[in-house]
Amino acid sequence: MLDIQVSLTGRITHPPRFFPADHETSAMWSAVLEVNGPPTPRRGGDTYVPTRYIEVVVHGVAAIRAHESYRKGHLVIAQGCDLLGRAYETRDRNGRAVLRGVVKVIATNLGLASRYTAVHEGAAVRVAEPSPRLVQGAPTAVAEEAALAG
């Protein structure tokens, strides 16, 4: 069992990045999610909901599926096995040094959050023709054995 388990729901803010597999590394998909934090009190007594930006990274076959399925604006659920934070220094518009931080989640599962997104159902545009051997009702293994024997 993994010691770290992270689950979050957020909207993809920028077009995701995809890096295909090569001979040394597996495929990688990366996106930044906009996640709403818990209600936080202000000094005046009212509350606000802070917004967090978290990078989600997926590797392997899940990365390929994410690349084919998710775009900017989609609301996704990410379940991760690791949480990494890093700080870096950059410059603001006036040229002053600014220290910034990034949180990254290494995800194992991604899914479309259809509970919060309008899902439209309808007929598929193109339906693939079924295989002739399946139309006749013969199981695949039986039809292949008959074709090899004959």
N, C-alpha and C. Protein backbone atom coordinates (compact mmCIF):
# COMPACT_ATOMS: atom_id res chain seq x y z
N MET A 1 0.84 -1.18 0.00
CA MET A 1 0.00 0.00 0.00
C MET A 1 0.88 1.24 0.00
N LEU A 2 0.47 2.23 -0.75
CA LEU A 2 1.22 3.48 -0.82
C LEU A 2 0.94 4.33 0.41
N ASP A 3 1.97 5.00 0.89
CA ASP A 3 1.80 5.85 2.07
C ASP A 3 1.16 7.18 1.72
N ILE A 4 1.45 7.72 0.54
CA ILE A 4 0.89 9.00 0.14
C ILE A 4 -0.24 8.76 -0.84
N GLN A 5 -1.41 9.31 -0.55
CA GLN A 5 -2.55 9.24 -1.46
C GLN A 5 -3.15 10.63 -1.56
N VAL A 6 -3.22 11.14 -2.78
CA VAL A 6 -3.72 12.49 -3.03
C VAL A 6 -4.88 12.38 -4.01
N SER A 7 -5.96 13.09 -3.73
CA SER A 7 -7.10 13.12 -4.62
C SER A 7 -7.57 14.57 -4.73
N LEU A 8 -7.72 15.05 -5.96
CA LEU A 8 -8.18 16.42 -6.13
C LEU A 8 -9.00 16.54 -7.40
N THR A 9 -9.86 17.55 -7.42
CA THR A 9 -10.71 17.85 -8.57
C THR A 9 -10.43 19.27 -8.99
N GLY A 10 -10.17 19.47 -10.27
CA GLY A 10 -9.88 20.81 -10.75
C GLY A 10 -10.06 20.93 -12.25
N ARG A 11 -10.08 22.17 -12.70
CA ARG A 11 -10.26 22.47 -14.12
C ARG A 11 -8.89 22.71 -14.75
N ILE A 12 -8.68 22.16 -15.96
CA ILE A 12 -7.41 22.35 -16.67
C ILE A 12 -7.35 23.79 -17.17
N THR A 13 -6.31 24.52 -16.75
CA THR A 13 -6.23 25.95 -17.04
C THR A 13 -5.54 26.29 -18.35
N HIS A 14 -4.57 25.51 -18.77
CA HIS A 14 -3.81 25.77 -19.99
C HIS A 14 -3.81 24.50 -20.85
N PRO A 15 -3.52 24.62 -22.13
CA PRO A 15 -3.44 23.39 -22.94
C PRO A 15 -2.40 22.43 -22.35
N PRO A 16 -2.78 21.18 -22.11
CA PRO A 16 -1.85 20.22 -21.52
C PRO A 16 -0.66 19.94 -22.45
N ARG A 17 0.44 19.51 -21.85
CA ARG A 17 1.64 19.16 -22.62
C ARG A 17 1.77 17.64 -22.65
N PHE A 18 2.17 17.13 -23.80
CA PHE A 18 2.35 15.70 -23.97
C PHE A 18 3.73 15.44 -24.55
N PHE A 19 4.44 14.49 -23.96
CA PHE A 19 5.76 14.09 -24.43
C PHE A 19 5.68 12.60 -24.77
N PRO A 20 5.74 12.25 -26.07
CA PRO A 20 5.62 10.83 -26.43
C PRO A 20 6.80 10.01 -25.93
N ALA A 21 6.58 8.72 -25.86
CA ALA A 21 7.62 7.81 -25.39
C ALA A 21 8.74 7.73 -26.42
N ASP A 22 9.95 7.55 -25.94
CA ASP A 22 11.06 7.25 -26.83
C ASP A 22 11.75 6.00 -26.31
N HIS A 23 12.92 5.70 -26.79
CA HIS A 23 13.56 4.43 -26.42
C HIS A 23 14.05 4.40 -24.98
N GLU A 24 14.09 5.54 -24.29
CA GLU A 24 14.58 5.57 -22.90
C GLU A 24 13.51 5.89 -21.87
N THR A 25 12.48 6.61 -22.24
CA THR A 25 11.48 7.05 -21.27
C THR A 25 10.07 6.71 -21.75
N SER A 26 9.15 6.65 -20.79
CA SER A 26 7.75 6.40 -21.13
C SER A 26 7.08 7.74 -21.47
N ALA A 27 5.88 7.65 -22.02
CA ALA A 27 5.12 8.85 -22.37
C ALA A 27 4.78 9.63 -21.10
N MET A 28 4.68 10.97 -21.24
CA MET A 28 4.34 11.81 -20.09
C MET A 28 3.34 12.86 -20.53
N TRP A 29 2.33 13.10 -19.69
CA TRP A 29 1.31 14.13 -19.91
C TRP A 29 1.30 15.03 -18.69
N SER A 30 1.23 16.33 -18.91
CA SER A 30 1.28 17.28 -17.81
C SER A 30 0.25 18.38 -18.04
N ALA A 31 -0.48 18.74 -16.97
CA ALA A 31 -1.46 19.82 -17.04
C ALA A 31 -1.50 20.54 -15.70
N VAL A 32 -1.91 21.81 -15.75
CA VAL A 32 -2.08 22.59 -14.53
C VAL A 32 -3.56 22.64 -14.22
N LEU A 33 -3.92 22.22 -13.00
CA LEU A 33 -5.32 22.24 -12.56
C LEU A 33 -5.56 23.42 -11.63
N GLU A 34 -6.70 24.06 -11.82
CA GLU A 34 -7.14 25.13 -10.92
C GLU A 34 -8.06 24.47 -9.89
N VAL A 35 -7.61 24.47 -8.65
CA VAL A 35 -8.33 23.77 -7.57
C VAL A 35 -8.77 24.80 -6.54
N ASN A 36 -10.02 24.74 -6.13
CA ASN A 36 -10.51 25.63 -5.08
C ASN A 36 -10.17 25.06 -3.72
N GLY A 37 -9.58 25.90 -2.87
CA GLY A 37 -9.23 25.49 -1.52
C GLY A 37 -10.41 25.60 -0.58
N PRO A 38 -10.18 25.33 0.70
CA PRO A 38 -11.27 25.42 1.67
C PRO A 38 -11.60 26.89 1.97
N PRO A 39 -12.86 27.17 2.36
CA PRO A 39 -13.21 28.55 2.72
C PRO A 39 -12.29 29.05 3.84
N THR A 40 -11.76 30.25 3.65
CA THR A 40 -10.79 30.82 4.58
C THR A 40 -11.33 32.14 5.12
N PRO A 41 -11.27 32.34 6.46
CA PRO A 41 -11.78 33.60 7.01
C PRO A 41 -10.84 34.76 6.73
N ARG A 42 -11.44 35.94 6.52
CA ARG A 42 -10.68 37.19 6.37
C ARG A 42 -10.72 37.95 7.69
N ARG A 43 -9.98 39.02 7.74
CA ARG A 43 -9.96 39.83 8.98
C ARG A 43 -11.30 40.48 9.26
N GLY A 44 -12.05 40.82 8.21
CA GLY A 44 -13.33 41.49 8.39
C GLY A 44 -14.44 40.55 8.84
N GLY A 45 -14.17 39.25 8.90
CA GLY A 45 -15.19 38.31 9.34
C GLY A 45 -15.79 37.48 8.23
N ASP A 46 -15.76 38.00 6.98
CA ASP A 46 -16.30 37.19 5.88
C ASP A 46 -15.26 36.17 5.42
N THR A 47 -15.66 35.31 4.52
CA THR A 47 -14.76 34.25 4.06
C THR A 47 -14.56 34.36 2.55
N TYR A 48 -13.51 33.76 2.06
CA TYR A 48 -13.26 33.66 0.63
C TYR A 48 -12.72 32.27 0.34
N VAL A 49 -12.80 31.87 -0.91
CA VAL A 49 -12.31 30.56 -1.33
C VAL A 49 -11.04 30.78 -2.15
N PRO A 50 -9.88 30.40 -1.61
CA PRO A 50 -8.64 30.60 -2.36
C PRO A 50 -8.53 29.61 -3.52
N THR A 51 -7.84 30.02 -4.55
CA THR A 51 -7.62 29.16 -5.72
C THR A 51 -6.17 28.72 -5.72
N ARG A 52 -5.97 27.43 -5.91
CA ARG A 52 -4.62 26.86 -5.97
C ARG A 52 -4.38 26.34 -7.39
N TYR A 53 -3.16 26.44 -7.85
CA TYR A 53 -2.78 25.90 -9.15
C TYR A 53 -1.79 24.76 -8.91
N ILE A 54 -2.18 23.57 -9.33
CA ILE A 54 -1.39 22.37 -9.06
C ILE A 54 -1.10 21.66 -10.37
N GLU A 55 0.16 21.34 -10.59
CA GLU A 55 0.54 20.61 -11.79
C GLU A 55 0.31 19.12 -11.55
N VAL A 56 -0.32 18.46 -12.52
CA VAL A 56 -0.58 17.02 -12.45
C VAL A 56 0.19 16.36 -13.59
N VAL A 57 0.95 15.33 -13.24
CA VAL A 57 1.78 14.61 -14.23
C VAL A 57 1.38 13.14 -14.22
N VAL A 58 1.22 12.56 -15.43
CA VAL A 58 0.89 11.15 -15.59
C VAL A 58 1.89 10.54 -16.56
N HIS A 59 2.29 9.30 -16.29
CA HIS A 59 3.26 8.60 -17.14
C HIS A 59 2.64 7.35 -17.75
N GLY A 60 3.24 6.86 -18.83
CA GLY A 60 2.87 5.58 -19.42
C GLY A 60 1.59 5.63 -20.24
N VAL A 61 0.84 4.52 -20.19
CA VAL A 61 -0.38 4.39 -20.97
C VAL A 61 -1.42 5.41 -20.51
N ALA A 62 -1.46 5.72 -19.23
CA ALA A 62 -2.40 6.73 -18.72
C ALA A 62 -2.12 8.09 -19.35
N ALA A 63 -0.85 8.39 -19.65
CA ALA A 63 -0.49 9.65 -20.30
C ALA A 63 -1.04 9.70 -21.72
N ILE A 64 -0.95 8.59 -22.43
CA ILE A 64 -1.46 8.53 -23.80
C ILE A 64 -2.97 8.72 -23.79
N ARG A 65 -3.65 8.05 -22.88
CA ARG A 65 -5.11 8.19 -22.78
C ARG A 65 -5.52 9.62 -22.39
N ALA A 66 -4.76 10.22 -21.48
CA ALA A 66 -5.05 11.61 -21.07
C ALA A 66 -4.87 12.55 -22.25
N HIS A 67 -3.81 12.33 -23.04
CA HIS A 67 -3.55 13.18 -24.20
C HIS A 67 -4.70 13.09 -25.21
N GLU A 68 -5.28 11.92 -25.37
CA GLU A 68 -6.38 11.72 -26.30
C GLU A 68 -7.70 12.25 -25.76
N SER A 69 -7.83 12.40 -24.44
CA SER A 69 -9.14 12.66 -23.84
C SER A 69 -9.35 14.06 -23.26
N TYR A 70 -8.34 14.65 -22.66
CA TYR A 70 -8.56 15.86 -21.86
C TYR A 70 -7.95 17.09 -22.51
N ARG A 71 -8.69 18.20 -22.46
CA ARG A 71 -8.28 19.47 -23.04
C ARG A 71 -8.46 20.60 -22.02
N LYS A 72 -8.01 21.77 -22.41
CA LYS A 72 -8.17 22.96 -21.57
C LYS A 72 -9.66 23.18 -21.28
N GLY A 73 -9.98 23.44 -20.02
CA GLY A 73 -11.36 23.68 -19.61
C GLY A 73 -12.07 22.46 -19.05
N HIS A 74 -11.56 21.26 -19.29
CA HIS A 74 -12.18 20.05 -18.74
C HIS A 74 -11.98 20.00 -17.23
N LEU A 75 -13.00 19.52 -16.56
CA LEU A 75 -12.94 19.31 -15.12
C LEU A 75 -12.56 17.86 -14.88
N VAL A 76 -11.40 17.63 -14.25
CA VAL A 76 -10.90 16.27 -14.07
C VAL A 76 -10.66 15.96 -12.60
N ILE A 77 -10.70 14.68 -12.30
CA ILE A 77 -10.35 14.16 -10.98
C ILE A 77 -9.02 13.45 -11.13
N ALA A 78 -8.07 13.79 -10.27
CA ALA A 78 -6.76 13.15 -10.29
C ALA A 78 -6.52 12.45 -8.97
N GLN A 79 -6.08 11.21 -9.04
CA GLN A 79 -5.68 10.45 -7.85
C GLN A 79 -4.19 10.20 -7.99
N GLY A 80 -3.44 10.64 -6.99
CA GLY A 80 -2.00 10.55 -7.10
C GLY A 80 -1.35 9.76 -6.00
N CYS A 81 -0.08 9.42 -6.26
CA CYS A 81 0.69 8.63 -5.31
C CYS A 81 1.88 9.41 -4.75
N ASP A 82 2.08 10.64 -5.21
CA ASP A 82 3.20 11.44 -4.72
C ASP A 82 2.88 12.91 -4.87
N LEU A 83 3.40 13.71 -3.97
CA LEU A 83 3.18 15.15 -3.95
C LEU A 83 4.54 15.81 -3.79
N LEU A 84 4.91 16.65 -4.75
CA LEU A 84 6.22 17.30 -4.73
C LEU A 84 6.04 18.81 -4.73
N GLY A 85 6.86 19.47 -3.96
CA GLY A 85 6.87 20.93 -3.95
C GLY A 85 8.26 21.44 -4.30
N ARG A 86 8.30 22.56 -5.01
CA ARG A 86 9.60 23.15 -5.30
C ARG A 86 9.44 24.66 -5.34
N ALA A 87 10.53 25.35 -5.04
CA ALA A 87 10.55 26.80 -5.07
C ALA A 87 11.56 27.25 -6.12
N TYR A 88 11.27 28.36 -6.75
CA TYR A 88 12.20 28.92 -7.73
C TYR A 88 12.10 30.44 -7.68
N GLU A 89 13.13 31.10 -8.20
CA GLU A 89 13.16 32.55 -8.21
C GLU A 89 12.98 33.05 -9.63
N THR A 90 12.15 34.08 -9.79
CA THR A 90 11.90 34.68 -11.08
C THR A 90 11.84 36.20 -10.91
N ARG A 91 11.61 36.91 -11.95
CA ARG A 91 11.53 38.37 -11.90
C ARG A 91 10.10 38.82 -12.19
N ASP A 92 9.66 39.88 -11.49
CA ASP A 92 8.34 40.43 -11.77
C ASP A 92 8.46 41.48 -12.88
N ARG A 93 7.39 42.21 -13.15
CA ARG A 93 7.38 43.19 -14.24
C ARG A 93 8.36 44.34 -14.02
N ASN A 94 8.64 44.63 -12.77
CA ASN A 94 9.56 45.73 -12.45
C ASN A 94 11.01 45.27 -12.36
N GLY A 95 11.25 43.98 -12.60
CA GLY A 95 12.61 43.46 -12.56
C GLY A 95 13.08 43.01 -11.19
N ARG A 96 12.20 43.05 -10.18
CA ARG A 96 12.58 42.60 -8.84
C ARG A 96 12.48 41.09 -8.73
N ALA A 97 13.36 40.51 -7.94
CA ALA A 97 13.35 39.06 -7.73
C ALA A 97 12.13 38.66 -6.90
N VAL A 98 11.46 37.60 -7.34
CA VAL A 98 10.28 37.09 -6.64
C VAL A 98 10.46 35.59 -6.45
N LEU A 99 10.20 35.13 -5.24
CA LEU A 99 10.28 33.70 -4.95
C LEU A 99 8.89 33.09 -5.16
N ARG A 100 8.82 32.05 -5.98
CA ARG A 100 7.55 31.39 -6.28
C ARG A 100 7.64 29.92 -5.93
N GLY A 101 6.47 29.30 -5.77
CA GLY A 101 6.42 27.89 -5.44
C GLY A 101 5.48 27.13 -6.36
N VAL A 102 5.77 25.87 -6.59
CA VAL A 102 4.96 25.01 -7.44
C VAL A 102 4.71 23.70 -6.69
N VAL A 103 3.48 23.21 -6.77
CA VAL A 103 3.13 21.91 -6.21
C VAL A 103 2.81 21.00 -7.38
N LYS A 104 3.40 19.80 -7.38
CA LYS A 104 3.18 18.84 -8.46
C LYS A 104 2.69 17.53 -7.86
N VAL A 105 1.68 16.94 -8.50
CA VAL A 105 1.14 15.65 -8.09
C VAL A 105 1.47 14.64 -9.19
N ILE A 106 2.07 13.52 -8.80
CA ILE A 106 2.30 12.42 -9.73
C ILE A 106 1.05 11.54 -9.65
N ALA A 107 0.25 11.57 -10.71
CA ALA A 107 -1.05 10.90 -10.69
C ALA A 107 -0.96 9.47 -11.21
N THR A 108 -1.77 8.61 -10.64
CA THR A 108 -1.90 7.24 -11.11
C THR A 108 -3.19 7.05 -11.89
N ASN A 109 -4.22 7.84 -11.57
CA ASN A 109 -5.52 7.75 -12.24
C ASN A 109 -6.04 9.15 -12.56
N LEU A 110 -6.64 9.29 -13.73
CA LEU A 110 -7.31 10.53 -14.13
C LEU A 110 -8.69 10.17 -14.64
N GLY A 111 -9.64 11.06 -14.39
CA GLY A 111 -10.98 10.83 -14.90
C GLY A 111 -11.72 12.14 -15.08
N LEU A 112 -12.67 12.16 -16.01
CA LEU A 112 -13.48 13.34 -16.24
C LEU A 112 -14.51 13.46 -15.12
N ALA A 113 -14.59 14.62 -14.51
CA ALA A 113 -15.53 14.83 -13.41
C ALA A 113 -16.89 15.20 -13.98
N SER A 114 -17.66 14.22 -14.38
CA SER A 114 -18.94 14.47 -15.03
C SER A 114 -20.02 14.94 -14.05
N ARG A 115 -19.78 14.80 -12.76
CA ARG A 115 -20.77 15.25 -11.78
C ARG A 115 -20.94 16.76 -11.84
N TYR A 116 -19.87 17.47 -12.16
CA TYR A 116 -19.91 18.93 -12.18
C TYR A 116 -19.92 19.49 -13.60
N THR A 117 -19.82 18.66 -14.60
CA THR A 117 -19.78 19.09 -15.98
C THR A 117 -21.00 18.55 -16.70
N ALA A 118 -21.57 19.36 -17.57
CA ALA A 118 -22.72 18.89 -18.35
C ALA A 118 -22.25 17.83 -19.33
N VAL A 119 -22.81 16.64 -19.24
CA VAL A 119 -22.47 15.55 -20.14
C VAL A 119 -23.62 15.41 -21.12
N HIS A 120 -23.28 15.44 -22.41
CA HIS A 120 -24.30 15.32 -23.44
C HIS A 120 -24.26 13.92 -24.03
N GLU A 121 -25.41 13.27 -24.05
CA GLU A 121 -25.49 11.93 -24.62
C GLU A 121 -26.10 12.01 -26.01
N GLY A 122 -25.67 11.11 -26.87
CA GLY A 122 -26.21 11.08 -28.22
C GLY A 122 -25.64 9.90 -28.98
N ALA A 123 -26.14 9.69 -30.17
CA ALA A 123 -25.66 8.59 -30.99
C ALA A 123 -24.28 8.93 -31.55
N ALA A 124 -23.47 7.91 -31.71
CA ALA A 124 -22.14 8.10 -32.28
C ALA A 124 -22.29 8.49 -33.75
N VAL A 125 -21.35 9.25 -34.24
CA VAL A 125 -21.39 9.70 -35.62
C VAL A 125 -21.17 8.53 -36.57
N ARG A 126 -20.21 7.68 -36.24
CA ARG A 126 -19.89 6.55 -37.10
C ARG A 126 -19.82 5.29 -36.26
N VAL A 127 -20.55 4.27 -36.65
CA VAL A 127 -20.54 3.00 -35.93
C VAL A 127 -19.77 2.00 -36.78
N ALA A 128 -18.77 1.36 -36.17
CA ALA A 128 -17.97 0.38 -36.90
C ALA A 128 -18.80 -0.85 -37.21
N GLU A 129 -18.55 -1.42 -38.37
CA GLU A 129 -19.25 -2.64 -38.78
C GLU A 129 -18.72 -3.81 -37.95
N PRO A 130 -19.61 -4.66 -37.44
CA PRO A 130 -19.14 -5.81 -36.66
C PRO A 130 -18.45 -6.84 -37.56
N SER A 131 -17.59 -7.62 -36.97
CA SER A 131 -16.89 -8.67 -37.70
C SER A 131 -17.89 -9.71 -38.19
N PRO A 132 -17.73 -10.26 -39.42
CA PRO A 132 -18.68 -11.27 -39.93
C PRO A 132 -18.75 -12.51 -39.05
N ARG A 133 -17.64 -12.93 -38.45
CA ARG A 133 -17.68 -14.13 -37.63
C ARG A 133 -18.46 -13.91 -36.34
N LEU A 134 -18.50 -12.67 -35.86
CA LEU A 134 -19.29 -12.39 -34.66
C LEU A 134 -20.76 -12.23 -34.98
N VAL A 135 -21.05 -11.77 -36.20
CA VAL A 135 -22.44 -11.63 -36.62
C VAL A 135 -23.10 -13.00 -36.70
N GLN A 136 -22.36 -14.01 -37.12
CA GLN A 136 -22.91 -15.36 -37.24
C GLN A 136 -23.11 -16.02 -35.89
N GLY A 137 -22.59 -15.43 -34.82
CA GLY A 137 -22.80 -15.96 -33.49
C GLY A 137 -21.71 -16.88 -33.00
N ALA A 138 -20.68 -17.12 -33.78
CA ALA A 138 -19.60 -18.00 -33.35
C ALA A 138 -18.62 -17.23 -32.48
N PRO A 139 -18.19 -17.82 -31.38
CA PRO A 139 -17.17 -17.16 -30.56
C PRO A 139 -15.88 -16.98 -31.38
N THR A 140 -15.08 -16.03 -31.01
CA THR A 140 -13.87 -15.71 -31.75
C THR A 140 -12.93 -16.89 -31.86
N ALA A 141 -12.67 -17.59 -30.77
CA ALA A 141 -11.73 -18.71 -30.79
C ALA A 141 -12.22 -19.83 -31.70
N VAL A 142 -13.51 -20.13 -31.68
CA VAL A 142 -14.07 -21.20 -32.52
C VAL A 142 -13.96 -20.82 -33.98
N ALA A 143 -14.25 -19.57 -34.33
CA ALA A 143 -14.18 -19.11 -35.73
C ALA A 143 -12.76 -19.12 -36.24
N GLU A 144 -11.78 -18.76 -35.40
CA GLU A 144 -10.38 -18.78 -35.83
C GLU A 144 -9.89 -20.21 -36.03
N GLU A 145 -10.28 -21.13 -35.15
CA GLU A 145 -9.88 -22.54 -35.31
C GLU A 145 -10.47 -23.12 -36.58
N ALA A 146 -11.72 -22.79 -36.90
CA ALA A 146 -12.35 -23.29 -38.11
C ALA A 146 -11.65 -22.74 -39.35
N ALA A 147 -11.22 -21.47 -39.30
CA ALA A 147 -10.53 -20.87 -40.44
C ALA A 147 -9.16 -21.50 -40.64
N LEU A 148 -8.46 -21.82 -39.55
CA LEU A 148 -7.14 -22.45 -39.65
C LEU A 148 -7.24 -23.89 -40.12
N ALA A 149 -8.28 -24.60 -39.71
CA ALA A 149 -8.43 -26.02 -40.09
C ALA A 149 -8.86 -26.14 -41.55
N GLY A 150 -9.61 -25.20 -42.05
CA GLY A 150 -10.17 -25.30 -43.39
C GLY A 150 -9.29 -24.75 -44.40
